[in-house]
Amino acid sequence: MDSPRQNPQFGQGAQPGPLAKLIAFVLSAGFLVLAFMFSLVALAVVAVLGVVLGGWLWWKTRALRKQMEQMREDGQFDRTAPTGGDQVIEGEFIREIGPEQRLR
């Protein structure tokens, strides 16, 4: 079996001919075009899946949005003031309870 060093076709000083360079260029350009087309198809699939998933989530949460809107109209839900003496300080929820309500 010949090693690449012993084969004169793959010698260190051998330069590829113009036909080999042309074939390498054409194959490289073809692979680049195929990779670009694949990336466009993959991007389109991801975009369609994102739109479908977003639409499904929007559809599934419509009852919750209606319920929240109804609560807001009825005055049950007020974003400006906490209810029941609770305090909201920098996004933290603090509830003060009396000794009779504590777990023993």
Protein backbone atom coordinates (compact mmCIF):
# COMPACT_ATOMS: atom_id res chain seq x y z
CA MET A 1 0.00 0.00 0.00
CA ASP A 2 1.41 3.36 -0.99
CA SER A 3 1.52 6.15 1.54
CA PRO A 4 0.75 9.70 0.35
CA ARG A 5 4.44 10.56 0.57
CA GLN A 6 5.41 7.80 -1.85
CA ASN A 7 2.67 8.53 -4.37
CA PRO A 8 3.91 11.22 -6.80
CA GLN A 9 0.35 12.40 -7.42
CA PHE A 10 0.13 13.70 -3.83
CA GLY A 11 3.67 14.94 -3.51
CA GLN A 12 4.42 18.07 -1.50
CA GLY A 13 5.54 20.14 -4.45
CA ALA A 14 2.70 19.16 -6.79
CA GLN A 15 0.32 22.02 -7.59
CA PRO A 16 -3.28 21.28 -8.63
CA GLY A 17 -3.97 21.87 -12.28
CA PRO A 18 -6.44 24.43 -13.67
CA LEU A 19 -9.12 21.76 -14.14
CA ALA A 20 -8.84 20.69 -10.48
CA LYS A 21 -9.07 24.33 -9.38
CA LEU A 22 -12.15 24.88 -11.56
CA ILE A 23 -13.85 21.76 -10.21
CA ALA A 24 -13.04 22.79 -6.62
CA PHE A 25 -14.44 26.27 -7.26
CA VAL A 26 -17.64 24.96 -8.85
CA LEU A 27 -18.19 22.43 -6.04
CA SER A 28 -17.50 25.06 -3.37
CA ALA A 29 -19.92 27.51 -4.99
CA GLY A 30 -22.54 24.76 -5.26
CA PHE A 31 -22.16 23.82 -1.60
CA LEU A 32 -22.42 27.47 -0.58
CA VAL A 33 -25.63 27.89 -2.58
CA LEU A 34 -27.08 24.70 -1.06
CA ALA A 35 -26.13 25.83 2.46
CA PHE A 36 -27.73 29.23 1.87
CA MET A 37 -30.92 27.62 0.55
CA PHE A 38 -31.02 25.24 3.53
CA SER A 39 -30.60 28.14 5.95
CA LEU A 40 -33.46 30.03 4.29
CA VAL A 41 -35.74 27.00 4.50
CA ALA A 42 -34.75 26.39 8.14
CA LEU A 43 -35.40 30.05 8.98
CA ALA A 44 -38.80 29.92 7.29
CA VAL A 45 -39.73 26.75 9.19
CA VAL A 46 -38.70 28.31 12.51
CA ALA A 47 -40.66 31.49 11.71
CA VAL A 48 -43.80 29.54 10.78
CA LEU A 49 -43.52 27.39 13.91
CA GLY A 50 -43.11 30.54 16.03
CA VAL A 51 -46.21 32.14 14.51
CA VAL A 52 -48.23 28.94 14.93
CA LEU A 53 -47.11 28.50 18.55
CA GLY A 54 -47.80 32.16 19.33
CA GLY A 55 -51.27 31.93 17.77
CA TRP A 56 -52.03 28.74 19.69
CA LEU A 57 -50.91 30.35 22.98
CA TRP A 58 -52.95 33.48 22.24
CA TRP A 59 -56.02 31.32 21.48
CA LYS A 60 -55.61 29.20 24.62
CA THR A 61 -55.31 32.26 26.90
CA ARG A 62 -58.31 34.15 25.52
CA ALA A 63 -60.62 32.98 28.33
CA LEU A 64 -58.10 34.16 30.92
CA ARG A 65 -57.84 37.56 29.22
CA LYS A 66 -61.64 37.87 29.16
CA GLN A 67 -61.83 36.96 32.84
CA MET A 68 -59.17 39.53 33.73
CA GLU A 69 -60.98 42.19 31.69
CA GLN A 70 -64.25 41.36 33.44
CA MET A 71 -62.55 41.60 36.85
CA ARG A 72 -61.06 44.95 35.88
CA GLU A 73 -64.48 46.25 34.80
CA ASP A 74 -66.13 44.98 38.01
CA GLY A 75 -63.50 46.71 40.13
CA GLN A 76 -62.22 43.45 41.60
CA PHE A 77 -58.79 43.98 40.17
CA ASP A 78 -57.02 47.25 40.90
CA ARG A 79 -53.40 47.60 39.85
CA THR A 80 -52.81 50.85 41.71
CA ALA A 81 -53.29 49.76 45.31
CA PRO A 82 -52.70 46.48 47.12
CA THR A 83 -55.69 44.94 48.86
CA GLY A 84 -56.22 43.80 52.42
CA GLY A 85 -53.52 45.92 54.05
CA ASP A 86 -50.70 44.21 52.16
CA GLN A 87 -47.71 46.25 51.04
CA VAL A 88 -45.75 46.01 47.82
CA ILE A 89 -42.25 47.40 48.24
CA GLU A 90 -39.93 47.28 45.21
CA GLY A 91 -41.75 44.29 43.82
CA GLU A 92 -41.68 42.29 47.05
CA PHE A 93 -44.91 41.13 48.61
CA ILE A 94 -45.20 41.50 52.39
CA ARG A 95 -48.19 40.25 54.31
CA GLU A 96 -48.52 41.00 57.99
CA ILE A 97 -50.69 38.58 59.89
CA GLY A 98 -51.77 38.49 63.49
CA PRO A 99 -50.72 35.84 66.00
CA GLU A 100 -54.09 34.09 65.74
CA GLN A 101 -53.56 33.43 62.00
CA ARG A 102 -50.04 31.99 62.28
CA LEU A 103 -49.34 28.29 61.92
CA ARG A 104 -48.46 26.54 65.15
